[in-house]
Amino acid sequence: IPEAEVKFAMRSGVVDLITVIPTDELDKGIAFIRTLIINFVVDLYEDEEDDELEVAYCKLWDQYWDNYFCPYWLREQLVKVWNVSGLDKAKIQLQNLTSNGLERYNRHFNAIVPTSH
């Protein structure tokens, strides 16, 4: 899958939406996200004379969803790990202490070596 398409899918409001969709509506949510991505692919290659490239990349996205994401990440035990849609109703405080592993590493390292050299 080309980098431009992956960047679109990974930007805020596309694939990350899946984490807040109620679990009983994941099928509809995934269909919506797939449509967002396919529409982007169609728009991206609309000026191409040959539609084969557009069709090929759309098929790659279908393979991603059908052969990887849905069979693996939609298993019940994994959905409980990454989907936070019901946590607010359960009165669980949602707080993101760090946005990525590098920040966590830096915080840990700075605690070990508190002074600059």
Protein backbone atom coordinates (compact mmCIF):
# COMPACT_ATOMS: atom_id res chain seq x y z
CA ILE A 1 0.00 0.00 0.00
CA PRO A 2 1.52 3.35 -1.02
CA GLU A 3 2.78 5.71 1.67
CA ALA A 4 0.33 8.51 0.79
CA GLU A 5 -2.59 6.16 1.39
CA VAL A 6 -1.16 4.90 4.68
CA LYS A 7 -0.59 8.48 5.86
CA PHE A 8 -4.21 9.29 5.10
CA ALA A 9 -5.47 6.21 6.92
CA MET A 10 -3.31 6.95 9.97
CA ARG A 11 -4.25 10.61 10.32
CA SER A 12 -6.65 11.66 13.06
CA GLY A 13 -10.26 10.82 12.32
CA VAL A 14 -9.75 7.80 10.08
CA VAL A 15 -8.55 4.44 11.44
CA ASP A 16 -8.32 5.77 15.00
CA LEU A 17 -12.11 6.19 15.00
CA ILE A 18 -12.36 2.45 15.45
CA THR A 19 -11.21 2.72 19.07
CA VAL A 20 -14.27 4.74 20.14
CA ILE A 21 -17.00 3.02 18.11
CA PRO A 22 -19.32 0.96 20.34
CA THR A 23 -18.47 -2.70 19.98
CA ASP A 24 -21.95 -3.59 18.77
CA GLU A 25 -21.50 -1.14 15.88
CA LEU A 26 -17.98 -2.08 14.78
CA ASP A 27 -19.19 -3.59 11.49
CA LYS A 28 -20.83 -0.30 10.49
CA GLY A 29 -17.84 1.68 11.74
CA ILE A 30 -15.35 -0.39 9.79
CA ALA A 31 -17.49 -0.08 6.66
CA PHE A 32 -17.44 3.71 7.13
CA ILE A 33 -13.66 3.81 7.61
CA ARG A 34 -13.12 1.57 4.60
CA THR A 35 -15.26 3.95 2.56
CA LEU A 36 -13.21 6.94 3.72
CA ILE A 37 -10.00 5.23 2.60
CA ILE A 38 -11.37 3.98 -0.73
CA ASN A 39 -12.76 7.45 -1.54
CA PHE A 40 -9.31 8.89 -0.83
CA VAL A 41 -7.69 6.31 -3.13
CA VAL A 42 -10.18 7.06 -5.91
CA ASP A 43 -9.58 10.81 -5.57
CA LEU A 44 -5.81 10.32 -5.43
CA TYR A 45 -5.68 8.48 -8.75
CA GLU A 46 -8.56 10.19 -10.57
CA ASP A 47 -6.18 11.97 -12.96
CA GLU A 48 -4.47 8.72 -13.98
CA GLU A 49 -5.31 7.59 -17.50
CA ASP A 50 -5.24 3.94 -16.51
CA ASP A 51 -7.74 2.86 -13.83
CA GLU A 52 -5.76 -0.33 -13.14
CA LEU A 53 -3.60 1.36 -10.50
CA GLU A 54 -6.63 2.63 -8.60
CA VAL A 55 -8.30 -0.79 -8.77
CA ALA A 56 -5.12 -2.56 -7.65
CA TYR A 57 -4.70 -0.31 -4.59
CA CYS A 58 -8.36 -0.64 -3.66
CA LYS A 59 -7.90 -4.42 -3.77
CA LEU A 60 -4.85 -4.10 -1.48
CA TRP A 61 -6.99 -2.25 1.06
CA ASP A 62 -9.70 -4.91 0.80
CA GLN A 63 -7.06 -7.57 1.44
CA TYR A 64 -5.76 -5.61 4.44
CA TRP A 65 -9.21 -5.42 6.05
CA ASP A 66 -10.42 -8.90 5.05
CA ASN A 67 -7.24 -10.91 5.56
CA TYR A 68 -5.54 -9.08 8.41
CA PHE A 69 -7.42 -6.46 10.40
CA CYS A 70 -10.84 -8.07 10.81
CA PRO A 71 -9.69 -11.66 11.44
CA TYR A 72 -6.98 -10.60 13.89
CA TRP A 73 -8.02 -7.39 15.65
CA LEU A 74 -11.74 -8.11 15.89
CA ARG A 75 -11.27 -11.17 18.06
CA GLU A 76 -13.26 -10.59 21.23
CA GLN A 77 -10.30 -10.74 23.59
CA LEU A 78 -8.40 -8.13 21.55
CA VAL A 79 -11.34 -5.75 21.06
CA LYS A 80 -11.47 -5.48 24.86
CA VAL A 81 -7.87 -4.25 24.80
CA TRP A 82 -8.05 -1.49 22.18
CA ASN A 83 -11.70 -0.38 22.15
CA VAL A 84 -12.49 2.22 24.81
CA SER A 85 -16.09 2.98 23.84
CA GLY A 86 -17.70 1.58 26.99
CA LEU A 87 -15.16 2.71 29.54
CA ASP A 88 -16.78 6.07 30.24
CA LYS A 89 -20.05 4.33 31.15
CA ALA A 90 -18.12 2.04 33.49
CA LYS A 91 -16.83 5.16 35.32
CA ILE A 92 -13.25 4.33 34.42
CA GLN A 93 -11.09 7.44 34.26
CA LEU A 94 -9.53 7.74 30.83
CA GLN A 95 -6.19 9.47 30.96
CA ASN A 96 -3.42 9.30 28.42
CA LEU A 97 -0.16 9.64 30.31
CA THR A 98 1.96 9.51 27.20
CA SER A 99 1.25 9.52 23.51
CA ASN A 100 4.05 7.20 22.47
CA GLY A 101 6.77 4.90 23.67
CA LEU A 102 9.55 7.40 23.08
CA GLU A 103 8.03 9.87 25.54
CA ARG A 104 7.71 7.09 28.12
CA TYR A 105 11.34 6.10 27.54
CA ASN A 106 12.51 9.72 27.92
CA ARG A 107 10.55 10.14 31.14
CA HIS A 108 12.07 6.91 32.51
CA PHE A 109 15.59 7.87 31.41
CA ASN A 110 15.27 11.36 32.90
CA ALA A 111 14.24 9.83 36.21
CA ILE A 112 17.44 7.74 36.21
CA VAL A 113 19.73 10.58 35.08
CA PRO A 114 18.07 13.74 36.44
CA THR A 115 20.83 16.22 35.61
CA SER A 116 22.16 17.29 32.24
CA HIS A 117 25.81 16.64 31.35
